Amino acid sequence: VAIVAAITLTMRRRPETRYQDPSKQVVVKAKDRLR
């Protein structure tokens, strides 16, 4: 429980950090990203 709590404290979201969403990345088609 202490390990999970430490990870939770350090993994909080920060507004200045850019995040990636894997669920959106896997549904992207080539025509949407490549011209």
PDB file of all heavy atoms in Angstrom:
ATOM      1  N   VAL A   1       0.832  -1.205   0.000  1.00  0.00           N
ATOM      2  CA  VAL A   1       0.000   0.000   0.000  1.00  0.00           C
ATOM      3  C   VAL A   1       0.869   1.258   0.000  1.00  0.00           C
ATOM      4  O   VAL A   1       0.565   2.248  -0.687  1.00  0.00           O
ATOM      5  CB  VAL A   1      -0.950  -0.024   1.217  1.00  0.00           C
ATOM      6  CG1 VAL A   1      -1.688   1.306   1.348  1.00  0.00           C
ATOM      7  CG2 VAL A   1      -1.948  -1.166   1.083  1.00  0.00           C
ATOM      8  N   ALA A   2       1.968   1.234   0.751  1.00  0.00           N
ATOM      9  CA  ALA A   2       2.873   2.389   0.770  1.00  0.00           C
ATOM     10  C   ALA A   2       3.498   2.627  -0.602  1.00  0.00           C
ATOM     11  O   ALA A   2       3.653   3.773  -1.033  1.00  0.00           O
ATOM     12  CB  ALA A   2       3.959   2.170   1.822  1.00  0.00           C
ATOM     13  N   ILE A   3       3.848   1.559  -1.313  1.00  0.00           N
ATOM     14  CA  ILE A   3       4.416   1.706  -2.652  1.00  0.00           C
ATOM     15  C   ILE A   3       3.400   2.329  -3.600  1.00  0.00           C
ATOM     16  O   ILE A   3       3.705   3.250  -4.372  1.00  0.00           O
ATOM     17  CB  ILE A   3       4.897   0.343  -3.182  1.00  0.00           C
ATOM     18  CG1 ILE A   3       6.088  -0.156  -2.365  1.00  0.00           C
ATOM     19  CG2 ILE A   3       5.259   0.418  -4.651  1.00  0.00           C
ATOM     20  CD1 ILE A   3       6.497  -1.569  -2.705  1.00  0.00           C
ATOM     21  N   VAL A   4       2.148   1.839  -3.548  1.00  0.00           N
ATOM     22  CA  VAL A   4       1.102   2.393  -4.409  1.00  0.00           C
ATOM     23  C   VAL A   4       0.854   3.865  -4.075  1.00  0.00           C
ATOM     24  O   VAL A   4       0.675   4.708  -4.973  1.00  0.00           O
ATOM     25  CB  VAL A   4      -0.188   1.563  -4.272  1.00  0.00           C
ATOM     26  CG1 VAL A   4      -1.332   2.202  -5.043  1.00  0.00           C
ATOM     27  CG2 VAL A   4       0.037   0.139  -4.756  1.00  0.00           C
ATOM     28  N   ALA A   5       0.866   4.209  -2.790  1.00  0.00           N
ATOM     29  CA  ALA A   5       0.656   5.597  -2.400  1.00  0.00           C
ATOM     30  C   ALA A   5       1.789   6.490  -2.891  1.00  0.00           C
ATOM     31  O   ALA A   5       1.550   7.616  -3.355  1.00  0.00           O
ATOM     32  CB  ALA A   5       0.531   5.690  -0.874  1.00  0.00           C
ATOM     33  N   ALA A   6       3.028   6.012  -2.810  1.00  0.00           N
ATOM     34  CA  ALA A   6       4.161   6.803  -3.294  1.00  0.00           C
ATOM     35  C   ALA A   6       4.067   7.033  -4.796  1.00  0.00           C
ATOM     36  O   ALA A   6       4.322   8.144  -5.289  1.00  0.00           O
ATOM     37  CB  ALA A   6       5.474   6.106  -2.939  1.00  0.00           C
ATOM     38  N   ILE A   7       3.669   5.993  -5.545  1.00  0.00           N
ATOM     39  CA  ILE A   7       3.517   6.151  -6.994  1.00  0.00           C
ATOM     40  C   ILE A   7       2.385   7.123  -7.305  1.00  0.00           C
ATOM     41  O   ILE A   7       2.495   7.973  -8.203  1.00  0.00           O
ATOM     42  CB  ILE A   7       3.268   4.784  -7.653  1.00  0.00           C
ATOM     43  CG1 ILE A   7       4.495   3.884  -7.490  1.00  0.00           C
ATOM     44  CG2 ILE A   7       2.914   4.937  -9.122  1.00  0.00           C
ATOM     45  CD1 ILE A   7       4.291   2.470  -7.976  1.00  0.00           C
ATOM     46  N   THR A   8       1.299   7.058  -6.555  1.00  0.00           N
ATOM     47  CA  THR A   8       0.178   7.968  -6.776  1.00  0.00           C
ATOM     48  C   THR A   8       0.583   9.411  -6.520  1.00  0.00           C
ATOM     49  O   THR A   8       0.186  10.325  -7.255  1.00  0.00           O
ATOM     50  CB  THR A   8      -0.998   7.574  -5.864  1.00  0.00           C
ATOM     51  OG1 THR A   8      -1.338   6.208  -6.100  1.00  0.00           O
ATOM     52  CG2 THR A   8      -2.207   8.445  -6.142  1.00  0.00           C
ATOM     53  N   LEU A   9       1.385   9.652  -5.486  1.00  0.00           N
ATOM     54  CA  LEU A   9       1.808  11.015  -5.180  1.00  0.00           C
ATOM     55  C   LEU A   9       2.705  11.593  -6.275  1.00  0.00           C
ATOM     56  O   LEU A   9       2.616  12.782  -6.603  1.00  0.00           O
ATOM     57  CB  LEU A   9       2.539  11.046  -3.842  1.00  0.00           C
ATOM     58  CG  LEU A   9       1.669  10.884  -2.585  1.00  0.00           C
ATOM     59  CD1 LEU A   9       2.548  10.795  -1.357  1.00  0.00           C
ATOM     60  CD2 LEU A   9       0.694  12.047  -2.463  1.00  0.00           C
ATOM     61  N   THR A  10       3.567  10.775  -6.829  1.00  0.00           N
ATOM     62  CA  THR A  10       4.513  11.282  -7.830  1.00  0.00           C
ATOM     63  C   THR A  10       3.932  11.320  -9.232  1.00  0.00           C
ATOM     64  O   THR A  10       4.494  11.992 -10.102  1.00  0.00           O
ATOM     65  CB  THR A  10       5.778  10.413  -7.853  1.00  0.00           C
ATOM     66  OG1 THR A  10       5.402   9.044  -8.086  1.00  0.00           O
ATOM     67  CG2 THR A  10       6.511  10.504  -6.527  1.00  0.00           C
ATOM     68  N   MET A  11       2.818  10.632  -9.485  1.00  0.00           N
ATOM     69  CA  MET A  11       2.243  10.578 -10.827  1.00  0.00           C
ATOM     70  C   MET A  11       1.052  11.502 -10.996  1.00  0.00           C
ATOM     71  O   MET A  11       0.233  11.308 -11.879  1.00  0.00           O
ATOM     72  CB  MET A  11       1.828   9.132 -11.156  1.00  0.00           C
ATOM     73  CG  MET A  11       2.985   8.166 -11.255  1.00  0.00           C
ATOM     74  SD  MET A  11       4.067   8.533 -12.634  1.00  0.00           S
ATOM     75  CE  MET A  11       3.018   8.080 -14.008  1.00  0.00           C
ATOM     76  N   ARG A  12       0.893  12.511 -10.153  1.00  0.00           N
ATOM     77  CA  ARG A  12      -0.239  13.415 -10.307  1.00  0.00           C
ATOM     78  C   ARG A  12      -0.067  14.260 -11.571  1.00  0.00           C
ATOM     79  O   ARG A  12       1.040  14.547 -12.008  1.00  0.00           O
ATOM     80  CB  ARG A  12      -0.361  14.313  -9.082  1.00  0.00           C
ATOM     81  CG  ARG A  12       0.772  15.284  -8.882  1.00  0.00           C
ATOM     82  CD  ARG A  12       0.438  16.215  -7.725  1.00  0.00           C
ATOM     83  NE  ARG A  12       1.442  17.244  -7.578  1.00  0.00           N
ATOM     84  CZ  ARG A  12       2.419  17.214  -6.709  1.00  0.00           C
ATOM     85  NH1 ARG A  12       2.532  16.166  -5.918  1.00  0.00           N
ATOM     86  NH2 ARG A  12       3.289  18.194  -6.625  1.00  0.00           N
ATOM     87  N   ARG A  13      -1.192  14.686 -12.155  1.00  0.00           N
ATOM     88  CA  ARG A  13      -1.156  15.418 -13.418  1.00  0.00           C
ATOM     89  C   ARG A  13      -0.732  16.860 -13.182  1.00  0.00           C
ATOM     90  O   ARG A  13      -1.157  17.503 -12.234  1.00  0.00           O
ATOM     91  CB  ARG A  13      -2.532  15.387 -14.090  1.00  0.00           C
ATOM     92  CG  ARG A  13      -2.896  14.020 -14.614  1.00  0.00           C
ATOM     93  CD  ARG A  13      -4.159  14.072 -15.450  1.00  0.00           C
ATOM     94  NE  ARG A  13      -4.412  12.792 -16.087  1.00  0.00           N
ATOM     95  CZ  ARG A  13      -3.907  12.443 -17.254  1.00  0.00           C
ATOM     96  NH1 ARG A  13      -3.123  13.267 -17.912  1.00  0.00           N
ATOM     97  NH2 ARG A  13      -4.181  11.261 -17.781  1.00  0.00           N
ATOM     98  N   ARG A  14       0.092  17.359 -14.091  1.00  0.00           N
ATOM     99  CA  ARG A  14       0.544  18.740 -14.030  1.00  0.00           C
ATOM    100  C   ARG A  14       0.116  19.434 -15.320  1.00  0.00           C
ATOM    101  O   ARG A  14       0.253  18.857 -16.404  1.00  0.00           O
ATOM    102  CB  ARG A  14       2.054  18.801 -13.848  1.00  0.00           C
ATOM    103  CG  ARG A  14       2.503  17.996 -12.648  1.00  0.00           C
ATOM    104  CD  ARG A  14       3.954  18.116 -12.375  1.00  0.00           C
ATOM    105  NE  ARG A  14       4.305  17.220 -11.269  1.00  0.00           N
ATOM    106  CZ  ARG A  14       5.327  17.428 -10.473  1.00  0.00           C
ATOM    107  NH1 ARG A  14       6.087  18.470 -10.641  1.00  0.00           N
ATOM    108  NH2 ARG A  14       5.587  16.600  -9.491  1.00  0.00           N
ATOM    109  N   PRO A  15      -0.373  20.658 -15.229  1.00  0.00           N
ATOM    110  CA  PRO A  15      -0.900  21.319 -16.450  1.00  0.00           C
ATOM    111  C   PRO A  15       0.166  21.603 -17.492  1.00  0.00           C
ATOM    112  O   PRO A  15      -0.128  21.656 -18.683  1.00  0.00           O
ATOM    113  CB  PRO A  15      -1.520  22.625 -15.899  1.00  0.00           C
ATOM    114  CG  PRO A  15      -0.855  22.833 -14.573  1.00  0.00           C
ATOM    115  CD  PRO A  15      -0.558  21.464 -14.030  1.00  0.00           C
ATOM    116  N   GLU A  16       1.411  21.786 -17.079  1.00  0.00           N
ATOM    117  CA  GLU A  16       2.451  22.128 -18.048  1.00  0.00           C
ATOM    118  C   GLU A  16       3.058  20.898 -18.728  1.00  0.00           C
ATOM    119  O   GLU A  16       3.912  21.044 -19.602  1.00  0.00           O
ATOM    120  CB  GLU A  16       3.572  22.922 -17.358  1.00  0.00           C
ATOM    121  CG  GLU A  16       4.401  22.124 -16.359  1.00  0.00           C
ATOM    122  CD  GLU A  16       3.799  22.067 -14.972  1.00  0.00           C
ATOM    123  OE1 GLU A  16       2.663  22.564 -14.827  1.00  0.00           O
ATOM    124  OE2 GLU A  16       4.458  21.544 -14.058  1.00  0.00           O
ATOM    125  N   THR A  17       2.624  19.707 -18.355  1.00  0.00           N
ATOM    126  CA  THR A  17       3.178  18.479 -18.922  1.00  0.00           C
ATOM    127  C   THR A  17       2.278  17.966 -20.043  1.00  0.00           C
ATOM    128  O   THR A  17       1.050  17.966 -19.908  1.00  0.00           O
ATOM    129  CB  THR A  17       3.320  17.402 -17.831  1.00  0.00           C
ATOM    130  OG1 THR A  17       4.093  17.936 -16.758  1.00  0.00           O
ATOM    131  CG2 THR A  17       4.008  16.172 -18.375  1.00  0.00           C
ATOM    132  N   ARG A  18       2.876  17.546 -21.143  1.00  0.00           N
ATOM    133  CA  ARG A  18       2.122  16.996 -22.266  1.00  0.00           C
ATOM    134  C   ARG A  18       1.992  15.481 -22.094  1.00  0.00           C
ATOM    135  O   ARG A  18       2.968  14.798 -21.791  1.00  0.00           O
ATOM    136  CB  ARG A  18       2.828  17.320 -23.581  1.00  0.00           C
ATOM    137  CG  ARG A  18       2.971  18.818 -23.834  1.00  0.00           C
ATOM    138  CD  ARG A  18       3.685  19.093 -25.130  1.00  0.00           C
ATOM    139  NE  ARG A  18       2.927  18.580 -26.260  1.00  0.00           N
ATOM    140  CZ  ARG A  18       3.350  18.633 -27.522  1.00  0.00           C
ATOM    141  NH1 ARG A  18       4.533  19.152 -27.801  1.00  0.00           N
ATOM    142  NH2 ARG A  18       2.603  18.153 -28.492  1.00  0.00           N
ATOM    143  N   TYR A  19       0.770  14.985 -22.278  1.00  0.00           N
ATOM    144  CA  TYR A  19       0.497  13.558 -22.097  1.00  0.00           C
ATOM    145  C   TYR A  19       0.038  12.946 -23.415  1.00  0.00           C
ATOM    146  O   TYR A  19      -0.503  13.640 -24.297  1.00  0.00           O
ATOM    147  CB  TYR A  19      -0.582  13.346 -21.034  1.00  0.00           C
ATOM    148  CG  TYR A  19      -0.158  13.750 -19.641  1.00  0.00           C
ATOM    149  CD1 TYR A  19      -0.418  15.025 -19.172  1.00  0.00           C
ATOM    150  CD2 TYR A  19       0.499  12.859 -18.808  1.00  0.00           C
ATOM    151  CE1 TYR A  19      -0.020  15.410 -17.897  1.00  0.00           C
ATOM    152  CE2 TYR A  19       0.904  13.226 -17.542  1.00  0.00           C
ATOM    153  CZ  TYR A  19       0.639  14.498 -17.088  1.00  0.00           C
ATOM    154  OH  TYR A  19       1.031  14.872 -15.830  1.00  0.00           O
ATOM    155  N   GLN A  20       0.214  11.651 -23.545  1.00  0.00           N
ATOM    156  CA  GLN A  20      -0.247  10.901 -24.702  1.00  0.00           C
ATOM    157  C   GLN A  20      -1.350   9.954 -24.287  1.00  0.00           C
ATOM    158  O   GLN A  20      -1.309   9.375 -23.196  1.00  0.00           O
ATOM    159  CB  GLN A  20       0.905  10.115 -25.338  1.00  0.00           C
ATOM    160  CG  GLN A  20       2.007  10.992 -25.908  1.00  0.00           C
ATOM    161  CD  GLN A  20       3.116  10.169 -26.527  1.00  0.00           C
ATOM    162  OE1 GLN A  20       3.121   8.948 -26.398  1.00  0.00           O
ATOM    163  NE2 GLN A  20       4.040  10.827 -27.192  1.00  0.00           N
ATOM    164  N   ASP A  21      -2.340   9.813 -25.173  1.00  0.00           N
ATOM    165  CA  ASP A  21      -3.454   8.899 -24.929  1.00  0.00           C
ATOM    166  C   ASP A  21      -3.309   7.705 -25.871  1.00  0.00           C
ATOM    167  O   ASP A  21      -3.575   7.822 -27.076  1.00  0.00           O
ATOM    168  CB  ASP A  21      -4.782   9.618 -25.171  1.00  0.00           C
ATOM    169  CG  ASP A  21      -5.965   8.782 -24.692  1.00  0.00           C
ATOM    170  OD1 ASP A  21      -5.739   7.610 -24.324  1.00  0.00           O
ATOM    171  OD2 ASP A  21      -7.098   9.294 -24.673  1.00  0.00           O
ATOM    172  N   PRO A  22      -2.872   6.536 -25.369  1.00  0.00           N
ATOM    173  CA  PRO A  22      -2.673   5.377 -26.272  1.00  0.00           C
ATOM    174  C   PRO A  22      -3.939   4.949 -26.984  1.00  0.00           C
ATOM    175  O   PRO A  22      -3.878   4.468 -28.126  1.00  0.00           O
ATOM    176  CB  PRO A  22      -2.151   4.288 -25.330  1.00  0.00           C
ATOM    177  CG  PRO A  22      -1.587   5.034 -24.158  1.00  0.00           C
ATOM    178  CD  PRO A  22      -2.438   6.249 -24.008  1.00  0.00           C
ATOM    179  N   SER A  23      -5.103   5.104 -26.356  1.00  0.00           N
ATOM    180  CA  SER A  23      -6.345   4.675 -26.999  1.00  0.00           C
ATOM    181  C   SER A  23      -6.647   5.504 -28.245  1.00  0.00           C
ATOM    182  O   SER A  23      -7.239   4.997 -29.209  1.00  0.00           O
ATOM    183  CB  SER A  23      -7.506   4.781 -26.007  1.00  0.00           C
ATOM    184  OG  SER A  23      -7.684   6.133 -25.594  1.00  0.00           O
ATOM    185  N   LYS A  24      -6.237   6.768 -28.246  1.00  0.00           N
ATOM    186  CA  LYS A  24      -6.429   7.602 -29.435  1.00  0.00           C
ATOM    187  C   LYS A  24      -5.346   7.344 -30.474  1.00  0.00           C
ATOM    188  O   LYS A  24      -5.588   7.489 -31.677  1.00  0.00           O
ATOM    189  CB  LYS A  24      -6.417   9.083 -29.040  1.00  0.00           C
ATOM    190  CG  LYS A  24      -7.601   9.495 -28.182  1.00  0.00           C
ATOM    191  CD  LYS A  24      -7.534  10.978 -27.853  1.00  0.00           C
ATOM    192  CE  LYS A  24      -8.725  11.400 -26.997  1.00  0.00           C
ATOM    193  NZ  LYS A  24      -8.664  12.846 -26.648  1.00  0.00           N
ATOM    194  N   GLN A  25      -4.176   6.957 -30.023  1.00  0.00           N
ATOM    195  CA  GLN A  25      -3.084   6.711 -30.968  1.00  0.00           C
ATOM    196  C   GLN A  25      -3.322   5.471 -31.827  1.00  0.00           C
ATOM    197  O   GLN A  25      -2.993   5.449 -33.009  1.00  0.00           O
ATOM    198  CB  GLN A  25      -1.763   6.572 -30.212  1.00  0.00           C
ATOM    199  CG  GLN A  25      -1.259   7.876 -29.613  1.00  0.00           C
ATOM    200  CD  GLN A  25       0.028   7.677 -28.838  1.00  0.00           C
ATOM    201  OE1 GLN A  25       0.243   6.629 -28.257  1.00  0.00           O
ATOM    202  NE2 GLN A  25       0.876   8.689 -28.840  1.00  0.00           N
ATOM    203  N   VAL A  26      -3.926   4.423 -31.253  1.00  0.00           N
ATOM    204  CA  VAL A  26      -4.087   3.169 -31.994  1.00  0.00           C
ATOM    205  C   VAL A  26      -5.197   3.240 -33.040  1.00  0.00           C
ATOM    206  O   VAL A  26      -5.245   2.400 -33.943  1.00  0.00           O
ATOM    207  CB  VAL A  26      -4.351   2.004 -31.018  1.00  0.00           C
ATOM    208  CG1 VAL A  26      -3.162   1.779 -30.115  1.00  0.00           C
ATOM    209  CG2 VAL A  26      -5.619   2.239 -30.203  1.00  0.00           C
ATOM    210  N   VAL A  27      -6.108   4.210 -32.952  1.00  0.00           N
ATOM    211  CA  VAL A  27      -7.212   4.314 -33.929  1.00  0.00           C
ATOM    212  C   VAL A  27      -6.916   5.320 -35.028  1.00  0.00           C
ATOM    213  O   VAL A  27      -7.752   5.549 -35.899  1.00  0.00           O
ATOM    214  CB  VAL A  27      -8.525   4.709 -33.204  1.00  0.00           C
ATOM    215  CG1 VAL A  27      -8.930   3.636 -32.207  1.00  0.00           C
ATOM    216  CG2 VAL A  27      -8.395   6.058 -32.520  1.00  0.00           C
ATOM    217  N   VAL A  28      -5.733   5.908 -35.007  1.00  0.00           N
ATOM    218  CA  VAL A  28      -5.388   6.899 -36.035  1.00  0.00           C
ATOM    219  C   VAL A  28      -5.088   6.189 -37.346  1.00  0.00           C
ATOM    220  O   VAL A  28      -4.405   5.168 -37.377  1.00  0.00           O
ATOM    221  CB  VAL A  28      -4.177   7.741 -35.566  1.00  0.00           C
ATOM    222  CG1 VAL A  28      -3.671   8.611 -36.700  1.00  0.00           C
ATOM    223  CG2 VAL A  28      -4.577   8.598 -34.387  1.00  0.00           C
ATOM    224  N   LYS A  29      -5.628   6.729 -38.441  1.00  0.00           N
ATOM    225  CA  LYS A  29      -5.376   6.178 -39.780  1.00  0.00           C
ATOM    226  C   LYS A  29      -4.210   6.953 -40.417  1.00  0.00           C
ATOM    227  O   LYS A  29      -3.907   8.086 -40.068  1.00  0.00           O
ATOM    228  CB  LYS A  29      -6.631   6.320 -40.632  1.00  0.00           C
ATOM    229  CG  LYS A  29      -7.835   5.633 -40.019  1.00  0.00           C
ATOM    230  CD  LYS A  29      -8.032   4.333 -40.687  1.00  0.00           C
ATOM    231  CE  LYS A  29      -9.172   3.535 -40.232  1.00  0.00           C
ATOM    232  NZ  LYS A  29     -10.098   3.763 -39.356  1.00  0.00           N
ATOM    233  N   ALA A  30      -3.605   6.314 -41.382  1.00  0.00           N
ATOM    234  CA  ALA A  30      -2.474   6.945 -42.057  1.00  0.00           C
ATOM    235  C   ALA A  30      -2.902   8.207 -42.800  1.00  0.00           C
ATOM    236  O   ALA A  30      -2.173   9.197 -42.855  1.00  0.00           O
ATOM    237  CB  ALA A  30      -1.818   5.958 -43.012  1.00  0.00           C
ATOM    238  N   LYS A  31      -4.106   8.189 -43.382  1.00  0.00           N
ATOM    239  CA  LYS A  31      -4.564   9.355 -44.141  1.00  0.00           C
ATOM    240  C   LYS A  31      -4.825  10.560 -43.241  1.00  0.00           C
ATOM    241  O   LYS A  31      -4.848  11.694 -43.718  1.00  0.00           O
ATOM    242  CB  LYS A  31      -5.834   8.998 -44.912  1.00  0.00           C
ATOM    243  CG  LYS A  31      -6.995   8.614 -44.010  1.00  0.00           C
ATOM    244  CD  LYS A  31      -8.226   8.265 -44.828  1.00  0.00           C
ATOM    245  CE  LYS A  31      -9.401   7.911 -43.917  1.00  0.00           C
ATOM    246  NZ  LYS A  31     -10.615   7.589 -44.687  1.00  0.00           N
ATOM    247  N   ASP A  32      -5.027  10.303 -41.945  1.00  0.00           N
ATOM    248  CA  ASP A  32      -5.241  11.423 -41.022  1.00  0.00           C
ATOM    249  C   ASP A  32      -3.940  12.118 -40.636  1.00  0.00           C
ATOM    250  O   ASP A  32      -3.952  13.276 -40.226  1.00  0.00           O
ATOM    251  CB  ASP A  32      -5.940  10.930 -39.750  1.00  0.00           C
ATOM    252  CG  ASP A  32      -7.307  10.346 -40.046  1.00  0.00           C
ATOM    253  OD1 ASP A  32      -7.922  10.776 -41.041  1.00  0.00           O
ATOM    254  OD2 ASP A  32      -7.743   9.457 -39.280  1.00  0.00           O
ATOM    255  N   ARG A  33      -2.846  11.422 -40.749  1.00  0.00           N
ATOM    256  CA  ARG A  33      -1.564  11.962 -40.304  1.00  0.00           C
ATOM    257  C   ARG A  33      -0.592  12.232 -41.460  1.00  0.00           C
ATOM    258  O   ARG A  33       0.365  12.973 -41.284  1.00  0.00           O
ATOM    259  CB  ARG A  33      -0.903  10.989 -39.323  1.00  0.00           C
ATOM    260  CG  ARG A  33      -1.646  10.810 -38.016  1.00  0.00           C
ATOM    261  CD  ARG A  33      -1.638  12.086 -37.201  1.00  0.00           C
ATOM    262  NE  ARG A  33      -2.350  11.936 -35.951  1.00  0.00           N
ATOM    263  CZ  ARG A  33      -1.757  11.578 -34.810  1.00  0.00           C
ATOM    264  NH1 ARG A  33      -0.461  11.310 -34.811  1.00  0.00           N
ATOM    265  NH2 ARG A  33      -2.463  11.475 -33.709  1.00  0.00           N
ATOM    266  N   LEU A  34      -0.823  11.602 -42.621  1.00  0.00           N
ATOM    267  CA  LEU A  34       0.132  11.680 -43.717  1.00  0.00           C
ATOM    268  C   LEU A  34      -0.559  12.243 -44.953  1.00  0.00           C
ATOM    269  O   LEU A  34      -1.648  11.812 -45.321  1.00  0.00           O
ATOM    270  CB  LEU A  34       0.703  10.283 -44.020  1.00  0.00           C
ATOM    271  CG  LEU A  34       1.713  10.200 -45.143  1.00  0.00           C
ATOM    272  CD1 LEU A  34       2.981  10.965 -44.800  1.00  0.00           C
ATOM    273  CD2 LEU A  34       2.060   8.741 -45.445  1.00  0.00           C
ATOM    274  N   ARG A  35       0.052  13.224 -45.576  1.00  0.00           N
ATOM    275  CA  ARG A  35      -0.472  13.805 -46.817  1.00  0.00           C
ATOM    276  C   ARG A  35       0.572  13.648 -47.910  1.00  0.00           C
ATOM    277  O   ARG A  35       1.716  14.077 -47.744  1.00  0.00           O
ATOM    278  CB  ARG A  35      -0.798  15.290 -46.612  1.00  0.00           C
ATOM    279  CG  ARG A  35      -1.473  15.916 -47.830  1.00  0.00           C
ATOM    280  CD  ARG A  35      -1.815  17.361 -47.584  1.00  0.00           C
ATOM    281  NE  ARG A  35      -0.600  18.141 -47.345  1.00  0.00           N
ATOM    282  CZ  ARG A  35      -0.609  19.469 -47.189  1.00  0.00           C
ATOM    283  NH1 ARG A  35      -1.743  20.131 -47.182  1.00  0.00           N
ATOM    284  NH2 ARG A  35       0.521  20.112 -46.978  1.00  0.00           N
TER     285      ARG A  35
END
